[in-house]
Structure formats: C-alpha cells, structure tokens
Protein backbone atom coordinates (compact mmCIF):
# COMPACT_ATOMS: atom_id res chain seq x y z
CA UNK A 1 -12.66 -2.39 13.55
CA UNK A 2 -10.42 -0.57 16.08
CA UNK A 3 -11.25 3.21 15.93
CA UNK A 4 -10.37 4.95 19.19
CA UNK A 5 -10.97 8.56 20.16
CA UNK A 6 -8.41 10.91 21.19
CA UNK A 7 -6.93 9.15 24.37
CA UNK A 8 -5.20 11.08 27.19
CA UNK A 9 -1.76 9.79 27.89
CA UNK A 10 -1.25 7.02 30.50
CA UNK A 11 -1.45 3.26 30.57
CA UNK A 12 -3.28 1.75 27.61
CA UNK A 13 -4.94 -1.72 27.18
CA UNK A 14 -2.60 -4.44 26.14
CA UNK A 15 -2.25 -4.86 22.37
CA UNK A 16 -2.27 -1.42 21.27
CA UNK A 17 0.69 -0.36 19.01
CA UNK A 18 2.21 3.06 18.99
CA UNK A 19 3.56 4.67 15.74
CA UNK A 20 4.89 8.24 15.40
CA UNK A 21 2.80 10.88 13.53
CA UNK A 22 4.31 12.20 10.51
CA UNK A 23 5.22 15.81 10.38
CA UNK A 24 2.88 16.36 7.33
CA UNK A 25 0.02 15.45 9.56
CA UNK A 26 0.80 17.48 12.78
CA UNK A 27 -1.23 20.70 11.76
CA UNK A 28 -4.17 18.59 10.81
CA UNK A 29 -4.11 16.54 14.12
CA UNK A 30 -3.64 19.96 16.12
CA UNK A 31 -6.69 21.40 14.32
CA UNK A 32 -8.56 18.26 15.09
CA UNK A 33 -8.08 18.67 18.86
CA UNK A 34 -8.22 22.55 18.94
CA UNK A 35 -11.60 22.79 17.15
CA UNK A 36 -13.32 19.47 18.52
CA UNK A 37 -13.93 16.26 16.68
CA UNK A 38 -15.74 16.92 13.48
CA UNK A 39 -17.26 14.70 10.76
CA UNK A 40 -14.23 13.08 9.18
CA UNK A 41 -13.65 13.79 5.28
CA UNK A 42 -14.75 11.02 3.09
CA UNK A 43 -11.87 8.49 2.33
CA UNK A 44 -11.23 7.71 -1.30
CA UNK A 45 -10.96 4.21 -2.47
CA UNK A 46 -7.47 3.16 -3.05
CA UNK A 47 -5.26 -0.05 -3.77
CA UNK A 48 -1.58 -0.84 -3.14
CA UNK A 49 0.49 -3.77 -4.19
CA UNK A 50 3.41 -5.25 -2.36
CA UNK A 51 5.56 -6.72 -5.18
CA UNK A 52 7.75 -9.48 -4.11
CA UNK A 53 10.90 -11.51 -4.96
CA UNK A 54 13.57 -13.64 -3.08
CA UNK A 55 17.12 -12.78 -2.49
CA UNK A 56 20.05 -13.98 -0.50
CA UNK A 57 19.46 -11.52 2.11
CA UNK A 58 15.70 -12.19 2.59
CA UNK A 59 12.29 -11.18 1.00
CA UNK A 60 12.56 -8.13 -1.16
CA UNK A 61 9.76 -5.75 -2.14
CA UNK A 62 9.39 -2.73 -4.59
CA UNK A 63 9.03 0.72 -3.01
CA UNK A 64 8.79 4.11 -4.37
CA UNK A 65 8.84 7.96 -3.03
CA UNK A 66 5.49 9.53 -3.27
CA UNK A 67 5.57 13.24 -3.34
CA UNK A 68 2.67 15.32 -2.28
CA UNK A 69 1.81 14.24 1.19
CA UNK A 70 0.17 10.99 -0.06
CA UNK A 71 -2.10 9.05 2.52
CA UNK A 72 -0.12 6.08 1.45
CA UNK A 73 2.95 7.64 2.98
CA UNK A 74 6.24 9.29 1.72
CA UNK A 75 7.45 5.75 0.84
CA UNK A 76 5.23 3.26 -0.01
CA UNK A 77 4.40 0.29 -2.34
CA UNK A 78 2.90 1.06 -5.69
CA UNK A 79 -0.56 2.22 -5.47
CA UNK A 80 -3.18 4.87 -5.83
CA UNK A 81 -6.86 5.66 -5.93
CA UNK A 82 -9.63 3.72 -7.58
CA UNK A 83 -10.76 5.52 -10.84
CA UNK A 84 -14.15 5.36 -12.46
CA UNK A 85 -12.69 4.03 -15.55
CA UNK A 86 -11.71 0.82 -13.47
CA UNK A 87 -15.54 -0.38 -13.76
CA UNK A 88 -14.87 -0.68 -17.50
CA UNK A 89 -12.42 -3.69 -17.21
CA UNK A 90 -14.09 -6.92 -18.20
CA UNK A 91 -11.48 -9.10 -19.41
CA UNK A 92 -10.93 -11.25 -16.34
CA UNK A 93 -9.27 -14.33 -15.26
CA UNK A 94 -9.17 -15.81 -11.77
CA UNK A 95 -11.47 -15.58 -8.86
CA UNK A 96 -14.85 -14.02 -9.72
CA UNK A 97 -15.55 -10.43 -8.13
CA UNK A 98 -17.82 -12.19 -5.89
CA UNK A 99 -15.05 -14.55 -4.70
CA UNK A 100 -12.95 -11.71 -4.43
CA UNK A 101 -15.47 -9.77 -2.13
CA UNK A 102 -15.52 -12.78 0.08
CA UNK A 103 -11.74 -13.13 0.62
CA UNK A 104 -11.28 -9.50 0.98
CA UNK A 105 -14.42 -8.80 3.27
CA UNK A 106 -15.51 -6.16 0.88
CA UNK A 107 -19.26 -5.32 1.02
CA UNK A 108 -20.13 -6.41 -2.69
CA UNK A 109 -18.49 -7.76 -5.75
CA UNK A 110 -18.53 -4.31 -7.33
CA UNK A 111 -16.31 -2.81 -4.61
CA UNK A 112 -14.12 -5.88 -4.60
CA UNK A 113 -13.67 -5.56 -8.47
CA UNK A 114 -12.64 -1.91 -8.36
CA UNK A 115 -10.02 -2.44 -5.89
CA UNK A 116 -8.69 -5.39 -7.75
CA UNK A 117 -8.47 -3.68 -11.04
CA UNK A 118 -6.97 -0.45 -9.44
CA UNK A 119 -4.29 -2.71 -7.77
CA UNK A 120 -3.19 -4.08 -11.09
CA UNK A 121 -3.50 -0.84 -12.96
CA UNK A 122 -1.47 1.11 -10.32
CA UNK A 123 1.09 -1.54 -10.30
CA UNK A 124 1.42 -0.97 -14.04
CA UNK A 125 1.27 2.76 -14.20
CA UNK A 126 3.81 3.08 -11.17
CA UNK A 127 6.05 0.39 -11.57
CA UNK A 128 5.47 -0.97 -15.31
CA UNK A 129 4.60 -4.49 -13.85
CA UNK A 130 1.54 -5.77 -15.94
CA UNK A 131 -0.33 -8.77 -14.30
CA UNK A 132 -2.17 -9.39 -17.67
CA UNK A 133 -1.85 -12.11 -20.44
CA UNK A 134 -3.52 -13.35 -23.60
CA UNK A 135 -5.25 -16.02 -21.83
CA UNK A 136 -5.91 -17.24 -18.08
CA UNK A 137 -2.52 -19.24 -17.97
CA UNK A 138 -0.03 -17.01 -19.47
CA UNK A 139 1.60 -13.58 -18.81
CA UNK A 140 2.66 -10.86 -21.18
CA UNK A 141 6.47 -10.36 -21.39
CA UNK A 142 8.88 -7.46 -22.23
CA UNK A 143 6.68 -4.35 -21.05
CA UNK A 144 9.67 -2.14 -20.58
CA UNK A 145 10.26 -0.40 -23.87
CA UNK A 146 9.32 3.09 -25.07
CA UNK A 147 6.01 2.05 -26.47
CA UNK A 148 4.77 0.54 -23.02
CA UNK A 149 6.24 3.62 -21.20
CA UNK A 150 4.05 5.79 -23.54
CA UNK A 151 1.13 3.53 -22.72
CA UNK A 152 1.68 4.03 -18.84
CA UNK A 153 2.05 7.75 -19.36
CA UNK A 154 -1.11 8.16 -21.28
CA UNK A 155 -3.17 6.00 -18.66
CA UNK A 156 -1.66 7.98 -15.68
CA UNK A 157 -2.52 11.18 -17.33
CA UNK A 158 -6.10 9.86 -17.96
CA UNK A 159 -5.78 10.50 -21.61
CA UNK A 160 -6.43 6.81 -22.19
CA UNK A 161 -7.97 3.98 -20.13
CA UNK A 162 -6.47 0.75 -18.79
CA UNK A 163 -9.33 -1.08 -20.11
CA UNK A 164 -8.60 0.13 -23.56
CA UNK A 165 -5.13 -1.04 -23.47
CA UNK A 166 -6.17 -4.57 -22.48
CA UNK A 167 -8.53 -4.49 -25.26
CA UNK A 168 -6.12 -3.19 -27.88
CA UNK A 169 -3.56 -5.92 -26.90
CA UNK A 170 -5.89 -8.80 -26.31
CA UNK A 171 -5.04 -9.15 -22.61
CA UNK A 172 -6.95 -10.44 -19.58
CA UNK A 173 -6.23 -9.52 -15.98
CA UNK A 174 -4.44 -12.39 -14.04
CA UNK A 175 -6.36 -11.59 -10.86
CA UNK A 176 -5.14 -15.02 -9.52
CA UNK A 177 -1.72 -13.48 -9.37
CA UNK A 178 -2.86 -11.26 -6.57
CA UNK A 179 -3.29 -12.24 -2.77
CA UNK A 180 -5.19 -9.81 -0.45
CA UNK A 181 -3.48 -8.72 2.68
CA UNK A 182 -5.13 -6.01 4.75
CA UNK A 183 -7.79 -3.25 4.88
CA UNK A 184 -6.45 0.16 6.02
CA UNK A 185 -8.57 3.42 6.79
CA UNK A 186 -6.56 6.75 7.16
CA UNK A 187 -7.30 8.53 10.61
CA UNK A 188 -10.38 10.54 11.14
CA UNK A 189 -8.29 13.70 11.73
CA UNK A 190 -6.52 13.54 8.18
CA UNK A 191 -7.40 16.01 5.51
CA UNK A 192 -6.81 13.45 2.76
CA UNK A 193 -8.13 10.06 3.67
CA UNK A 194 -7.67 6.72 1.86
CA UNK A 195 -9.54 3.45 2.25
CA UNK A 196 -6.84 1.17 1.24
CA UNK A 197 -6.88 -2.51 0.21
CA UNK A 198 -3.26 -3.92 0.32
CA UNK A 199 -2.46 -6.84 -2.09
CA UNK A 200 0.72 -8.94 -2.68
CA UNK A 201 2.09 -10.39 -5.80
CA UNK A 202 5.26 -12.21 -6.79
CA UNK A 203 7.37 -10.31 -9.54
CA UNK A 204 6.89 -11.88 -13.02
CA UNK A 205 10.05 -13.49 -14.12
CA UNK A 206 10.36 -11.57 -17.39
CA UNK A 207 9.26 -8.18 -16.22
CA UNK A 208 11.47 -5.71 -14.07
CA UNK A 209 10.03 -2.55 -12.31
CA UNK A 210 10.74 0.70 -13.98
CA UNK A 211 9.55 4.29 -12.58
CA UNK A 212 7.21 6.26 -14.65
CA UNK A 213 9.37 8.64 -16.45
CA UNK A 214 7.30 11.86 -15.88
CA UNK A 215 6.84 11.14 -12.14
CA UNK A 216 9.49 8.86 -10.80
CA UNK A 217 11.72 10.17 -8.11
CA UNK A 218 13.15 7.17 -6.32
CA UNK A 219 12.28 3.51 -6.28
CA UNK A 220 13.95 0.17 -5.89
CA UNK A 221 13.99 -3.10 -4.66
CA UNK A 222 14.48 -3.26 -0.84
CA UNK A 223 15.10 -5.94 1.71
CA UNK A 224 12.57 -5.80 4.43
CA UNK A 225 14.93 -7.25 6.90
CA UNK A 226 17.53 -4.48 6.16
CA UNK A 227 14.89 -1.65 6.29
CA UNK A 228 13.93 -3.04 9.76
CA UNK A 229 17.55 -3.49 10.99
CA UNK A 230 17.87 0.33 10.47
CA UNK A 231 14.53 1.29 11.91
CA UNK A 232 16.23 3.72 14.34
CA UNK A 233 18.44 5.16 11.61
CA UNK A 234 17.83 7.40 8.46
CA UNK A 235 19.79 5.62 5.82
CA UNK A 236 16.63 5.10 3.75
CA UNK A 237 15.44 8.82 3.86
CA UNK A 238 19.15 9.93 3.26
CA UNK A 239 19.19 7.78 0.13
CA UNK A 240 16.09 9.26 -1.36
CA UNK A 241 17.52 12.64 -0.77
CA UNK A 242 14.36 14.73 -0.88
CA UNK A 243 13.66 17.59 1.61
CA UNK A 244 11.02 15.80 3.41
CA UNK A 245 12.84 12.63 3.79
CA UNK A 246 16.43 13.33 4.70
CA UNK A 247 17.18 12.53 8.50
CA UNK A 248 13.74 10.67 8.84
CA UNK A 249 13.58 7.10 10.48
CA UNK A 250 11.42 4.41 8.79
CA UNK A 251 8.45 5.00 10.90
CA UNK A 252 8.47 8.64 9.76
CA UNK A 253 8.71 7.71 6.04
CA UNK A 254 5.95 5.12 5.96
CA UNK A 255 2.42 4.66 7.31
CA UNK A 256 1.58 2.12 9.91
CA UNK A 257 0.01 -0.38 7.65
CA UNK A 258 3.16 -0.30 5.36
CA UNK A 259 5.48 -0.76 8.66
CA UNK A 260 3.31 -3.75 9.61
CA UNK A 261 3.55 -5.11 6.34
CA UNK A 262 7.42 -4.71 6.28
CA UNK A 263 7.66 -6.56 9.47
CA UNK A 264 5.72 -9.51 8.23
CA UNK A 265 8.17 -9.52 5.15
CA UNK A 266 11.27 -9.44 7.31
CA UNK A 267 9.95 -12.35 9.20
CA UNK A 268 8.79 -14.51 6.22
CA UNK A 269 10.56 -17.58 5.10
CA UNK A 270 10.27 -16.65 1.35
CA UNK A 271 7.91 -15.37 -1.47
CA UNK A 272 5.91 -18.60 -1.92
CA UNK A 273 5.48 -19.07 1.80
CA UNK A 274 4.34 -15.46 2.46
CA UNK A 275 1.82 -15.64 -0.54
CA UNK A 276 0.54 -19.02 0.45
CA UNK A 277 0.00 -18.22 4.06
CA UNK A 278 -3.51 -18.21 5.00
CA UNK A 279 -4.37 -14.95 6.86
CA UNK A 280 -7.64 -12.97 7.70
CA UNK A 281 -8.00 -9.75 5.80
CA UNK A 282 -8.52 -7.61 8.95
CA UNK A 283 -9.41 -3.91 8.85
CA UNK A 284 -7.56 -1.07 10.69
CA UNK A 285 -7.64 2.55 11.55
CA UNK A 286 -5.05 4.42 13.51
CA UNK A 287 -6.40 6.64 16.25
CA UNK A 288 -4.82 9.89 17.34
CA UNK A 289 -3.55 9.88 20.97
CA UNK A 290 -2.07 12.93 22.81
CA UNK A 291 1.08 12.32 24.91
CA UNK A 292 1.51 14.41 28.34
CA UNK A 293 3.99 16.77 26.54
CA UNK A 294 1.29 17.63 23.92
CA UNK A 295 2.86 15.75 20.99
CA UNK A 296 0.78 13.26 19.06
CA UNK A 297 1.15 9.67 18.19
CA UNK A 298 -1.03 6.89 16.34
CA UNK A 299 -2.55 4.10 18.14
CA UNK A 300 -3.44 0.84 16.35
CA UNK A 301 -4.94 -2.38 17.60
CA UNK A 302 -2.17 -4.89 17.30
CA UNK A 303 -2.28 -7.60 14.59
CA UNK A 304 -3.46 -11.09 15.59
CA UNK A 305 -0.47 -13.52 16.06
CA UNK A 306 -1.12 -15.14 12.91
CA UNK A 307 -0.57 -11.90 10.96
CA UNK A 308 3.08 -11.26 12.13
CA UNK A 309 5.52 -9.94 14.70
CA UNK A 310 4.45 -6.98 17.08
CA UNK A 311 6.03 -3.69 17.11
CA UNK A 312 6.46 -1.48 20.20
CA UNK A 313 3.62 -2.01 22.68
CA UNK A 314 2.47 -0.22 25.84
C-alpha cells in the first residue's frame, strides 16, 4: 500500500500522481508539518456507490454535494460511514460475505459484510435507490413516494434501522448487483479520516435517484467525460452554487479516489463493459508533499494500466 511520508519538493519517482489539496484540509496539513508527524486519528469505515447509466454522451454517474467537509469530498458519489446496525442485516442474496471478503481484499467476512450493507443502505438513504427485492432474482420497484421518503428520513436520523425496513417489507439485499472497485484511506494528517470501500452498480430500470428531503442540496446525473473536459474550469462548482464550491475546479471539489474513478468512467465503453471489467481492488492512501513555495499537494501511487488512464504525473 502506498503511504509516503512528507516528501520535499523535487524529482519524484515515476508513477506518482499529484492532486491539489482542498482548502478545507490546509490547516490540518500545516499543523501536521509544524508540530511533527503524530499518530494519525483512527479512520471510520465507510462505503460509497458509483451509480451508473448509459447516455448518448457517455457513461453517467449520480453525484451529490456533501456539506460539512466530508472526507469523501465536497462532491461525491452516494456514501457514508458504516453503522453498528449494519451488522443486523441478515436477509442476503448474492455472493456470501466470505466471497465478498476475497473479492474486496477485506481482512474477514464480517468487515466485508458491513461495507456491503453500508453501501446499499447509504445508496438508499442519500439517493433513494434500493438494491433489494422480494427474492434473489427480482428488485423492488417504485420507491420514490412520500412513504419511502419517510423511511429514508427515519433511517438517516437513526430513528429506525435498515434491517427493520427490509424485514417489514419482506426484502433481501441484492448484493450481486454491486461490484467492488477500490479501497482508499484518508491521508494521515486529516482530522476526519475514512477507510472507504468504493462499489459500482447499474441504476435499476424502475428506480430514479432522488435527494433526501431534509439534507439534499444538489445532486444529479453527470457525464464523466463532460466533467473531465471542464477539468480546468469551474462550471460544476458554480452550478452547485455553494460558498465553498463556486470558482473551484474539479480537483478541488472531489477527493483523488473520486477523480480517478471519473477518469475510468470517462474512458469506459458503457455501463455493462465497465461493470464486467476484471479489476484488482487496490488500496491507496494519498501522502502529503510540500512544494518549494510551501504549498501542499497530495501524492498517490499511479493506478496500474488495467485500472484506467493516468492523470498528471511527475
């Protein structure tokens, strides 16, 4: 696993990718340097789902604005932290937790199960997409009405549980509809750190994303190729229109893991091809580097050729 120390400016080994440090991380980075490297805070387990659909302009994914300096980025795919109640889900269809652990490179079946459950739950909470059905070969339909929104709000507020929803409605998780993508750890200097597992899933035919009524600010289907084409511009941040997004480029709105996934989506030949592509689930952790002028950047080991196109290298 790449995990480099604070490196001085100058030539770097080939295969290192450089990303900007978001403004909300600069204070933590400066403190990390000023006071010396300390024991990093313990990361919270998290899951995030890249929801996909084809369009005439290329592969699209659903993204949302995340307030509160989330370790997943200002703009990200639906996702969030693994919760203790995720252990309570037992109605399961698809690969077993042990099989998931193997495909994810997780240390054990319990860890894998928590991440898979959290991925499906967070996708339901934040986007209203429910990867569950009455049996292992079907999927629930029409989950966008007021009653379903009430269910989502209750789960998000932890007034009820996801497992309780599945039990009441006689549903099982369709874990076979998820594909593991990658594993990212937040930089050591960050105050809030996530240990994030990224997954991908095709958008169900009879379900349409809808933001959570109480928390949603901005969210929509975006074409990955279009976002990348405007990488040097600020159209996305200006469209979101928040104080901490206006004028920012793509690399300042998203974390490195999200930007790399967008690159792969932009180069993909379609939803089916992307989901069926055999890929290793590599683990990454951005490292803080200091430039000659005292500014900071993040350095990440470049993804293998089988994972997608490269970004800026040094």
